[in-house]
N, C-alpha and C. Protein backbone atom coordinates (compact mmCIF):
# COMPACT_ATOMS: atom_id res chain seq x y z
N UNK A 1 0.92 -1.12 0.44
CA UNK A 1 -0.08 -0.05 -0.04
C UNK A 1 0.72 1.15 -0.13
N UNK A 2 1.72 1.01 0.51
CA UNK A 2 2.90 2.27 0.70
C UNK A 2 3.63 2.70 -0.40
N UNK A 3 3.81 2.01 -1.10
CA UNK A 3 4.24 1.59 -2.34
C UNK A 3 3.47 2.65 -3.67
N UNK A 4 2.07 1.55 -3.68
CA UNK A 4 1.18 2.38 -4.14
C UNK A 4 0.82 4.44 -4.24
N UNK A 5 0.79 4.13 -2.94
CA UNK A 5 0.74 5.79 -2.48
C UNK A 5 1.95 6.44 -2.95
N UNK A 6 3.56 5.90 -3.29
CA UNK A 6 4.77 6.52 -3.38
C UNK A 6 4.43 6.99 -4.95
N UNK A 7 3.92 6.07 -5.58
CA UNK A 7 3.70 6.21 -6.88
C UNK A 7 2.99 7.01 -7.44
N UNK A 8 1.97 7.40 -6.43
CA UNK A 8 0.78 8.18 -6.87
C UNK A 8 1.31 9.43 -6.69
N UNK A 9 2.04 9.73 -5.71
CA UNK A 9 2.63 11.13 -5.29
C UNK A 9 3.43 11.64 -6.59
N UNK A 10 4.52 10.58 -6.86
CA UNK A 10 5.18 10.70 -7.98
C UNK A 10 5.30 11.28 -8.97
N UNK A 11 3.64 10.54 -9.62
CA UNK A 11 3.00 10.65 -10.74
C UNK A 11 2.55 11.98 -10.76
N UNK A 12 1.58 12.62 -9.81
CA UNK A 12 1.20 14.18 -9.37
C UNK A 12 2.07 14.89 -9.39
N UNK A 13 3.49 14.86 -9.24
CA UNK A 13 4.33 15.66 -9.05
C UNK A 13 4.92 15.76 -10.51
N UNK A 14 5.01 14.58 -11.22
CA UNK A 14 5.44 14.61 -12.72
C UNK A 14 4.41 14.70 -13.55
N UNK A 15 3.11 15.17 -13.27
CA UNK A 15 2.17 15.50 -14.09
C UNK A 15 2.27 16.97 -13.53
N UNK A 16 2.28 18.05 -12.70
CA UNK A 16 2.51 19.13 -12.51
C UNK A 16 3.75 19.82 -13.18
N UNK A 17 4.80 18.72 -13.10
CA UNK A 17 6.13 19.29 -13.97
C UNK A 17 5.82 19.15 -15.48
N UNK A 18 5.23 18.42 -16.37
CA UNK A 18 5.01 18.20 -17.11
C UNK A 18 3.82 19.30 -17.76
N UNK A 19 3.04 19.35 -16.96
CA UNK A 19 2.32 20.63 -17.52
C UNK A 19 2.98 22.00 -17.39
N UNK A 20 3.99 22.10 -16.41
CA UNK A 20 4.55 23.71 -16.66
C UNK A 20 5.58 23.80 -17.84
N UNK A 21 6.19 22.39 -17.81
CA UNK A 21 6.81 22.38 -19.27
C UNK A 21 6.15 22.65 -20.15
N UNK A 22 4.95 21.83 -20.69
CA UNK A 22 3.90 22.50 -21.79
C UNK A 22 3.87 24.11 -21.87
N UNK A 23 3.20 24.38 -20.86
CA UNK A 23 2.96 25.71 -20.95
C UNK A 23 3.73 26.64 -21.28
N UNK A 24 5.38 26.30 -20.58
CA UNK A 24 6.20 26.90 -21.16
C UNK A 24 6.56 27.04 -22.61
N UNK A 25 6.85 25.77 -22.81
CA UNK A 25 7.21 25.62 -24.82
C UNK A 25 6.18 26.34 -25.54
N UNK A 26 4.92 26.61 -25.01
CA UNK A 26 3.91 27.48 -25.66
C UNK A 26 3.58 28.43 -25.71
N UNK A 27 4.69 29.30 -24.44
CA UNK A 27 4.55 30.35 -24.54
C UNK A 27 3.32 30.93 -23.29
N UNK A 28 3.02 30.02 -22.94
CA UNK A 28 1.22 30.71 -22.67
C UNK A 28 1.47 31.19 -21.05
N UNK A 29 2.61 30.71 -20.05
CA UNK A 29 2.93 31.08 -19.06
C UNK A 29 4.21 31.14 -18.20
N UNK A 30 4.11 31.53 -18.06
CA UNK A 30 5.94 31.63 -17.15
C UNK A 30 5.87 30.41 -16.17
N UNK A 31 6.67 29.39 -16.24
CA UNK A 31 6.70 28.07 -15.50
C UNK A 31 7.25 28.23 -14.03
N UNK A 32 6.78 27.85 -12.72
CA UNK A 32 7.23 27.94 -11.66
C UNK A 32 8.89 27.05 -11.63
N UNK A 33 9.86 27.61 -11.23
CA UNK A 33 11.03 26.74 -11.12
C UNK A 33 10.71 25.65 -9.79
N UNK A 34 10.03 26.03 -8.86
CA UNK A 34 9.97 25.10 -7.31
C UNK A 34 7.97 25.02 -7.55
N UNK A 35 7.68 23.69 -7.36
CA UNK A 35 5.90 24.46 -6.77
C UNK A 35 6.21 22.84 -5.73
N UNK A 36 5.13 23.42 -4.82
CA UNK A 36 5.02 22.43 -3.38
C UNK A 36 3.92 22.40 -3.49
N UNK A 37 3.26 20.79 -3.22
CA UNK A 37 1.97 20.84 -3.13
C UNK A 37 1.62 19.89 -1.92
N UNK A 38 0.68 20.30 -0.88
CA UNK A 38 0.31 19.65 -0.01
C UNK A 38 -0.95 18.38 -0.07
N UNK A 39 -0.44 17.45 0.51
CA UNK A 39 -1.72 16.26 0.12
C UNK A 39 -2.44 15.90 1.32
N UNK A 40 -3.55 16.60 1.01
CA UNK A 40 -4.07 16.30 2.47
C UNK A 40 -3.68 17.07 3.49
N UNK A 41 -3.76 18.23 3.60
CA UNK A 41 -2.81 18.78 5.07
C UNK A 41 -3.84 18.60 6.06
N UNK A 42 -5.21 18.50 5.75
CA UNK A 42 -5.99 18.39 6.93
C UNK A 42 -5.89 16.91 7.83
N UNK A 43 -4.95 16.06 7.20
CA UNK A 43 -4.97 15.14 7.91
C UNK A 43 -3.34 14.87 8.68
N UNK A 44 -2.44 16.17 8.30
CA UNK A 44 -0.84 16.09 9.10
C UNK A 44 -1.32 15.85 10.68
N UNK A 45 -0.20 15.15 10.87
CA UNK A 45 0.24 14.94 12.10
C UNK A 45 -0.46 16.30 12.95
N UNK A 46 0.61 17.07 12.82
CA UNK A 46 0.73 18.69 13.98
C UNK A 46 1.27 19.86 13.01
N UNK A 47 0.10 20.44 13.11
CA UNK A 47 0.27 21.57 12.20
C UNK A 47 0.08 22.78 13.06
N UNK A 48 0.39 23.47 13.72
CA UNK A 48 -0.18 24.55 14.85
C UNK A 48 0.54 24.99 15.91
N UNK A 49 -0.02 25.99 16.63
CA UNK A 49 0.52 26.30 18.03
C UNK A 49 -0.06 26.28 19.09
N UNK A 50 -1.32 25.28 19.23
CA UNK A 50 -2.18 24.96 20.23
C UNK A 50 -2.73 23.78 20.11
N UNK A 51 -3.11 23.18 21.12
CA UNK A 51 -3.46 21.41 21.32
C UNK A 51 -4.70 21.34 20.21
N UNK A 52 -5.47 22.35 20.04
CA UNK A 52 -6.48 22.26 19.22
C UNK A 52 -6.65 23.70 18.51
N UNK A 53 -5.53 23.39 17.19
CA UNK A 53 -4.98 24.66 16.25
C UNK A 53 -6.30 24.75 15.40
N UNK A 54 -6.11 26.12 14.97
CA UNK A 54 -7.29 26.38 13.80
C UNK A 54 -6.96 26.30 12.64
N UNK A 55 -7.79 26.01 11.62
CA UNK A 55 -7.53 26.00 9.96
C UNK A 55 -6.79 27.14 10.16
N UNK A 56 -6.80 28.26 10.54
CA UNK A 56 -6.37 29.56 10.34
C UNK A 56 -4.73 29.82 10.57
N UNK A 57 -4.77 29.01 11.17
CA UNK A 57 -3.31 29.28 11.76
C UNK A 57 -2.58 27.92 10.91
N UNK A 58 -3.27 26.82 10.60
CA UNK A 58 -2.69 25.63 10.04
C UNK A 58 -2.14 26.47 8.56
N UNK A 59 -3.39 26.88 8.08
CA UNK A 59 -2.79 27.16 6.67
C UNK A 59 -1.86 28.49 6.13
N UNK A 60 -1.69 28.99 7.70
CA UNK A 60 -0.58 30.20 7.94
C UNK A 60 0.68 29.52 7.85
N UNK A 61 0.47 28.71 8.38
CA UNK A 61 1.73 28.13 8.66
C UNK A 61 2.24 27.43 7.43
N UNK A 62 1.42 26.66 6.23
CA UNK A 62 1.70 25.91 5.30
C UNK A 62 1.93 26.47 4.20
N UNK A 63 1.75 27.93 4.27
CA UNK A 63 1.81 29.28 3.36
C UNK A 63 3.20 29.35 3.79
N UNK A 64 3.50 29.82 4.82
CA UNK A 64 4.78 30.37 5.12
C UNK A 64 5.77 29.42 4.45
N UNK A 65 5.71 27.91 4.85
CA UNK A 65 6.60 26.89 4.40
C UNK A 65 6.87 26.71 2.82
N UNK A 66 5.96 26.92 2.42
CA UNK A 66 5.69 26.87 1.04
C UNK A 66 6.36 28.00 0.50
N UNK A 67 6.30 28.99 0.92
CA UNK A 67 7.00 30.31 0.50
C UNK A 67 8.51 30.28 0.49
N UNK A 68 8.39 29.71 1.92
CA UNK A 68 10.10 29.50 2.19
C UNK A 68 10.89 28.21 1.51
N UNK A 69 10.22 27.08 0.96
CA UNK A 69 10.99 26.38 0.48
C UNK A 69 11.14 26.73 -1.04
N UNK A 70 10.38 27.43 -1.53
CA UNK A 70 10.00 27.84 -3.16
C UNK A 70 11.56 28.92 -3.01
N UNK A 71 11.74 29.72 -2.37
CA UNK A 71 12.62 30.67 -2.09
C UNK A 71 14.00 30.02 -1.72
N UNK A 72 13.98 29.00 -1.23
CA UNK A 72 14.99 28.50 -0.83
C UNK A 72 15.96 27.37 -1.77
N UNK A 73 14.66 26.76 -2.57
CA UNK A 73 15.32 25.70 -3.50
C UNK A 73 15.77 26.27 -5.06
N UNK A 74 14.68 27.08 -5.09
CA UNK A 74 14.99 27.66 -6.42
C UNK A 74 16.57 28.40 -6.90
N UNK A 75 17.37 28.72 -5.99
CA UNK A 75 19.08 29.35 -6.39
C UNK A 75 19.90 27.45 -6.55
N UNK A 76 19.57 26.65 -5.95
CA UNK A 76 19.89 25.38 -5.73
C UNK A 76 19.56 24.48 -6.84
N UNK A 77 18.69 24.97 -7.94
CA UNK A 77 18.37 24.21 -9.53
C UNK A 77 19.15 24.35 -10.38
N UNK A 78 19.59 23.33 -11.05
CA UNK A 78 20.33 23.65 -12.09
C UNK A 78 19.56 24.37 -13.48
N UNK A 79 20.04 25.05 -14.01
CA UNK A 79 19.71 25.88 -15.42
C UNK A 79 18.52 24.70 -15.76
N UNK A 80 17.40 25.34 -16.35
CA UNK A 80 16.51 24.40 -16.86
C UNK A 80 15.77 23.07 -15.95
N UNK A 81 16.16 23.38 -14.98
CA UNK A 81 15.43 22.28 -13.82
C UNK A 81 14.28 22.96 -13.37
N UNK A 82 13.32 21.81 -12.85
CA UNK A 82 12.19 21.82 -11.84
C UNK A 82 12.20 21.55 -10.96
N UNK A 83 11.55 21.55 -9.79
CA UNK A 83 11.25 20.59 -8.62
C UNK A 83 9.60 20.77 -8.53
N UNK A 84 9.05 19.60 -7.99
CA UNK A 84 7.85 19.65 -7.30
C UNK A 84 8.04 18.80 -6.64
N UNK A 85 7.36 19.29 -5.32
CA UNK A 85 7.32 18.64 -4.01
C UNK A 85 6.29 18.19 -3.74
N UNK A 86 5.95 17.00 -2.86
CA UNK A 86 4.23 16.95 -2.59
C UNK A 86 4.56 16.62 -1.15
N UNK A 87 4.10 17.30 -0.02
CA UNK A 87 4.38 16.84 1.11
C UNK A 87 3.22 15.83 1.56
N UNK A 88 3.18 15.14 2.25
CA UNK A 88 2.20 14.32 2.54
C UNK A 88 1.90 14.30 4.69
N UNK A 89 2.96 14.59 4.91
CA UNK A 89 2.73 15.00 6.39
C UNK A 89 3.91 15.87 6.82
N UNK A 90 3.52 16.41 7.88
CA UNK A 90 4.20 17.10 9.47
C UNK A 90 3.80 17.07 10.26
N UNK A 91 4.84 17.14 10.90
CA UNK A 91 4.67 16.83 12.68
C UNK A 91 5.82 17.54 13.08
N UNK A 92 5.25 18.72 13.41
CA UNK A 92 6.32 20.01 13.72
C UNK A 92 6.52 19.93 15.21
N UNK A 93 7.96 20.29 15.60
CA UNK A 93 9.01 20.07 16.47
C UNK A 93 8.21 20.17 17.80
N UNK A 94 8.15 19.41 18.92
CA UNK A 94 7.58 19.52 20.06
C UNK A 94 6.17 18.92 20.20
N UNK A 95 5.49 19.00 21.29
CA UNK A 95 4.19 18.26 21.45
C UNK A 95 3.59 18.94 22.29
N UNK A 96 2.28 18.40 22.70
CA UNK A 96 1.26 18.98 23.41
C UNK A 96 1.40 17.95 24.49
N UNK A 97 2.03 18.23 25.99
CA UNK A 97 1.81 17.41 26.80
C UNK A 97 0.71 17.22 27.84
N UNK A 98 0.17 16.13 28.26
CA UNK A 98 -1.22 16.29 28.84
C UNK A 98 -0.90 16.91 30.33
N UNK A 99 -2.10 17.73 30.74
CA UNK A 99 -1.58 18.39 31.90
C UNK A 99 -1.03 19.56 31.90
N UNK A 100 -0.36 19.66 30.67
CA UNK A 100 0.80 21.01 30.75
C UNK A 100 -0.11 22.38 30.22
N UNK A 101 -0.27 23.35 30.68
CA UNK A 101 -1.09 24.72 29.98
C UNK A 101 -0.16 25.73 30.24
N UNK A 102 -0.15 26.32 28.81
CA UNK A 102 0.26 27.42 28.90
C UNK A 102 -0.19 28.73 28.28
N UNK A 103 -0.38 29.61 28.53
CA UNK A 103 -1.69 30.33 27.97
C UNK A 103 -0.81 31.21 26.72
N UNK A 104 0.27 31.40 26.71
CA UNK A 104 0.85 31.96 25.26
C UNK A 104 1.43 31.02 24.29
N UNK A 105 1.77 29.90 24.84
CA UNK A 105 2.36 28.66 23.39
C UNK A 105 2.35 27.62 24.25
N UNK A 106 1.40 26.72 23.64
CA UNK A 106 1.02 25.71 24.19
C UNK A 106 2.23 24.45 23.61
N UNK A 107 2.91 24.65 22.97
CA UNK A 107 4.39 23.49 22.36
C UNK A 107 5.47 23.43 23.09
N UNK A 108 5.15 22.32 23.85
CA UNK A 108 6.40 21.74 24.62
C UNK A 108 7.66 21.24 23.91
N UNK A 109 8.35 22.00 23.81
CA UNK A 109 9.55 21.40 22.80
C UNK A 109 10.87 20.75 23.97
N UNK A 110 11.05 19.42 23.77
CA UNK A 110 11.89 18.09 23.98
C UNK A 110 12.56 17.72 22.95
N UNK A 111 13.91 16.92 23.05
CA UNK A 111 14.31 16.13 21.95
C UNK A 111 13.84 14.77 21.64
N UNK A 112 12.54 14.57 22.57
CA UNK A 112 11.93 13.43 22.09
C UNK A 112 11.00 13.89 21.22
N UNK A 113 10.63 15.05 20.46
CA UNK A 113 9.78 15.36 19.43
C UNK A 113 10.35 16.05 18.67
N UNK A 114 11.23 15.37 18.08
CA UNK A 114 11.84 16.34 16.46
C UNK A 114 10.69 16.24 15.68
N UNK A 115 11.30 17.14 14.49
CA UNK A 115 10.27 18.00 13.77
C UNK A 115 10.59 16.46 12.39
N UNK A 116 9.27 16.40 12.01
CA UNK A 116 9.27 15.08 11.05
C UNK A 116 8.19 15.91 9.68
N UNK A 117 8.74 15.65 8.31
CA UNK A 117 8.17 16.04 7.64
C UNK A 117 8.44 14.50 6.24
N UNK A 118 7.28 14.09 5.68
CA UNK A 118 7.21 13.23 4.98
C UNK A 118 6.92 13.74 3.40
N UNK A 119 7.80 13.19 2.52
CA UNK A 119 7.46 14.15 1.18
C UNK A 119 8.15 12.94 -0.02
N UNK A 120 7.58 13.41 -1.00
CA UNK A 120 7.84 12.80 -2.39
C UNK A 120 8.57 14.20 -3.23
N UNK A 121 9.33 14.07 -4.46
CA UNK A 121 9.47 15.03 -5.26
C UNK A 121 10.24 14.67 -6.34
N UNK A 122 10.10 15.54 -7.67
CA UNK A 122 10.44 15.05 -8.94
C UNK A 122 11.59 16.25 -9.19
N UNK A 123 12.65 16.01 -9.95
CA UNK A 123 13.41 17.02 -10.91
C UNK A 123 13.10 16.68 -12.07
N UNK A 124 12.92 17.67 -12.90
CA UNK A 124 12.40 17.35 -14.30
C UNK A 124 13.80 18.37 -14.96
N UNK A 125 14.12 17.55 -16.19
CA UNK A 125 15.12 18.61 -17.06
C UNK A 125 14.37 19.34 -18.10
N UNK A 126 15.27 19.60 -18.82
CA UNK A 126 14.28 19.93 -20.22
C UNK A 126 13.53 19.13 -21.09
N UNK A 127 12.44 19.46 -21.50
CA UNK A 127 11.21 18.59 -21.83
C UNK A 127 10.32 17.79 -21.03
N UNK A 128 10.62 18.13 -19.96
CA UNK A 128 10.04 17.39 -18.40
C UNK A 128 10.38 15.77 -18.47
N UNK A 129 11.61 15.54 -18.67
CA UNK A 129 12.38 14.78 -18.44
C UNK A 129 12.97 14.43 -16.77
N UNK A 130 12.26 13.29 -16.59
CA UNK A 130 12.93 12.87 -14.96
C UNK A 130 14.24 12.94 -14.86
N UNK A 131 15.05 14.11 -14.05
CA UNK A 131 16.24 13.57 -13.54
C UNK A 131 16.19 12.58 -12.58
N UNK A 132 15.23 13.05 -11.38
CA UNK A 132 15.50 12.49 -10.43
C UNK A 132 14.15 12.45 -9.82
N UNK A 133 14.01 11.48 -8.62
CA UNK A 133 12.44 11.71 -7.77
C UNK A 133 12.90 10.55 -6.91
N UNK A 134 11.99 10.86 -5.91
CA UNK A 134 12.24 9.90 -4.64
C UNK A 134 11.23 10.51 -3.64
N UNK A 135 10.78 9.51 -2.46
CA UNK A 135 10.24 9.91 -1.11
C UNK A 135 11.23 9.76 -0.24
N UNK A 136 10.91 10.79 0.72
CA UNK A 136 11.72 11.08 1.70
C UNK A 136 10.91 11.30 3.28
N UNK A 137 11.78 10.62 4.20
CA UNK A 137 11.17 10.96 5.41
C UNK A 137 12.31 11.83 6.54
N UNK A 138 11.95 12.75 6.21
CA UNK A 138 12.57 13.95 7.00
C UNK A 138 12.51 13.77 8.67
N UNK A 139 13.49 13.94 9.04
CA UNK A 139 13.69 13.60 11.05
C UNK A 139 15.08 14.17 11.05
N UNK A 140 14.97 15.11 12.24
CA UNK A 140 15.84 15.89 12.61
C UNK A 140 16.33 15.68 14.25
N UNK A 141 16.92 14.51 14.45
CA UNK A 141 17.43 14.24 16.14
C UNK A 141 18.02 14.87 16.77
N UNK A 142 18.54 15.93 16.10
CA UNK A 142 19.53 16.63 16.71
C UNK A 142 19.03 18.69 16.55
N UNK A 143 17.52 18.71 16.45
CA UNK A 143 16.90 19.75 16.01
C UNK A 143 17.12 20.95 17.17
N UNK A 144 17.69 20.30 18.95
CA UNK A 144 17.99 21.44 19.55
C UNK A 144 18.99 22.00 19.72
N UNK A 145 19.97 21.55 18.68
CA UNK A 145 21.43 22.58 18.17
C UNK A 145 21.08 23.49 17.79
N UNK A 146 22.10 24.73 18.40
CA UNK A 146 21.89 26.19 17.39
C UNK A 146 21.43 26.10 16.16
N UNK A 147 20.71 26.84 15.75
CA UNK A 147 19.65 27.20 14.33
C UNK A 147 19.98 28.60 14.04
N UNK A 148 19.95 28.88 12.68
CA UNK A 148 20.21 30.28 12.21
C UNK A 148 19.04 30.90 12.14
N UNK A 149 17.72 30.29 12.13
CA UNK A 149 16.37 30.72 11.92
C UNK A 149 16.00 31.69 13.56
N UNK A 150 15.33 32.58 13.34
CA UNK A 150 15.01 33.34 14.75
C UNK A 150 14.65 32.70 15.70
N UNK A 151 14.39 33.17 17.11
CA UNK A 151 13.90 31.90 17.74
C UNK A 151 12.36 32.01 18.06
N UNK A 152 11.93 33.60 17.71
CA UNK A 152 10.97 33.60 17.31
C UNK A 152 9.92 33.55 16.49
N UNK A 153 10.42 32.34 15.24
CA UNK A 153 10.24 31.89 14.27
C UNK A 153 9.31 30.30 14.53
N UNK A 154 8.00 30.29 14.76
CA UNK A 154 7.46 29.10 15.11
C UNK A 154 7.79 27.61 14.29
N UNK A 155 8.16 27.81 13.05
CA UNK A 155 8.87 27.07 12.14
C UNK A 155 10.24 26.97 11.94
N UNK A 156 10.78 27.17 12.93
CA UNK A 156 12.57 27.62 13.14
C UNK A 156 13.22 26.00 12.90
N UNK A 157 12.27 24.86 13.16
CA UNK A 157 12.92 23.48 13.22
C UNK A 157 12.83 22.98 11.99
N UNK A 158 11.78 23.15 11.46
CA UNK A 158 11.07 22.59 10.15
C UNK A 158 12.18 23.26 8.88
N UNK A 159 12.12 24.61 9.00
CA UNK A 159 12.89 25.27 8.27
C UNK A 159 14.15 24.61 8.06
N UNK A 160 14.90 24.23 9.10
CA UNK A 160 15.99 23.78 9.01
C UNK A 160 16.38 22.74 8.62
N UNK A 161 15.02 21.48 9.25
CA UNK A 161 15.00 20.51 8.35
C UNK A 161 14.88 20.42 6.94
N UNK A 162 14.21 21.13 6.10
CA UNK A 162 14.13 21.31 4.59
C UNK A 162 15.33 21.74 4.28
N UNK A 163 15.82 23.23 4.97
CA UNK A 163 17.54 23.62 4.62
C UNK A 163 18.28 22.33 4.10
N UNK A 164 18.27 21.79 5.18
CA UNK A 164 19.25 20.54 5.44
C UNK A 164 18.94 19.30 4.11
N UNK A 165 17.56 19.18 4.05
CA UNK A 165 17.80 18.11 2.85
C UNK A 165 17.57 19.09 1.48
N UNK A 166 17.13 20.28 1.00
CA UNK A 166 17.87 21.00 0.26
C UNK A 166 18.95 20.85 -0.57
N UNK A 167 19.85 20.85 0.65
CA UNK A 167 21.24 21.13 0.24
C UNK A 167 21.73 19.83 -0.05
N UNK A 168 21.06 18.71 0.76
CA UNK A 168 21.66 17.66 0.55
C UNK A 168 21.66 16.96 -0.68
N UNK A 169 20.06 17.07 -1.09
CA UNK A 169 19.40 16.58 -2.38
C UNK A 169 19.77 17.31 -3.66
N UNK A 170 20.07 18.47 -3.87
CA UNK A 170 20.39 19.29 -4.62
C UNK A 170 21.75 19.95 -4.95
N UNK A 171 22.37 19.17 -3.43
CA UNK A 171 23.92 19.52 -4.00
C UNK A 171 24.10 20.94 -3.74
N UNK A 172 23.63 21.53 -2.92
CA UNK A 172 24.18 23.21 -2.46
C UNK A 172 24.41 23.45 -1.11
N UNK A 173 25.38 22.46 -0.81
CA UNK A 173 26.72 22.64 0.19
C UNK A 173 26.26 21.58 1.47
């Protein structure tokens, strides 16, 4: 069953990439170098800042992550490459512990609650030819080490996880 889901995600990503290339070839639209798709985001394990997060908060976080991925991935792509990422699950760093209540920010950050992101991706070259694709389960067990993202950014651990993956996958150092 997991294999079927993986193949479906890769095919979805490849279709997006092919459609973008076709539109560019016909001069109909400027193609996006990087496209991020969320697969059933309402079923993600944990995206929010409260035990019962609102749709508004989840959507704001997902929009922020999408913009971040696009901005960070673009310079890492080779000329004429396109990247499509299908994110199937996010579990933000930290958790909500029973019996612990804080009025301002409910998430408790401990090393036993690392950030997790499951995704599949497709990198295409000219003509939509698949250069590389795969499925990744991103985890950062050392996420409490110093990070360059501001401590006030609620997505700092997830962004670092994505930065590490992008550099590893796309060869950016």
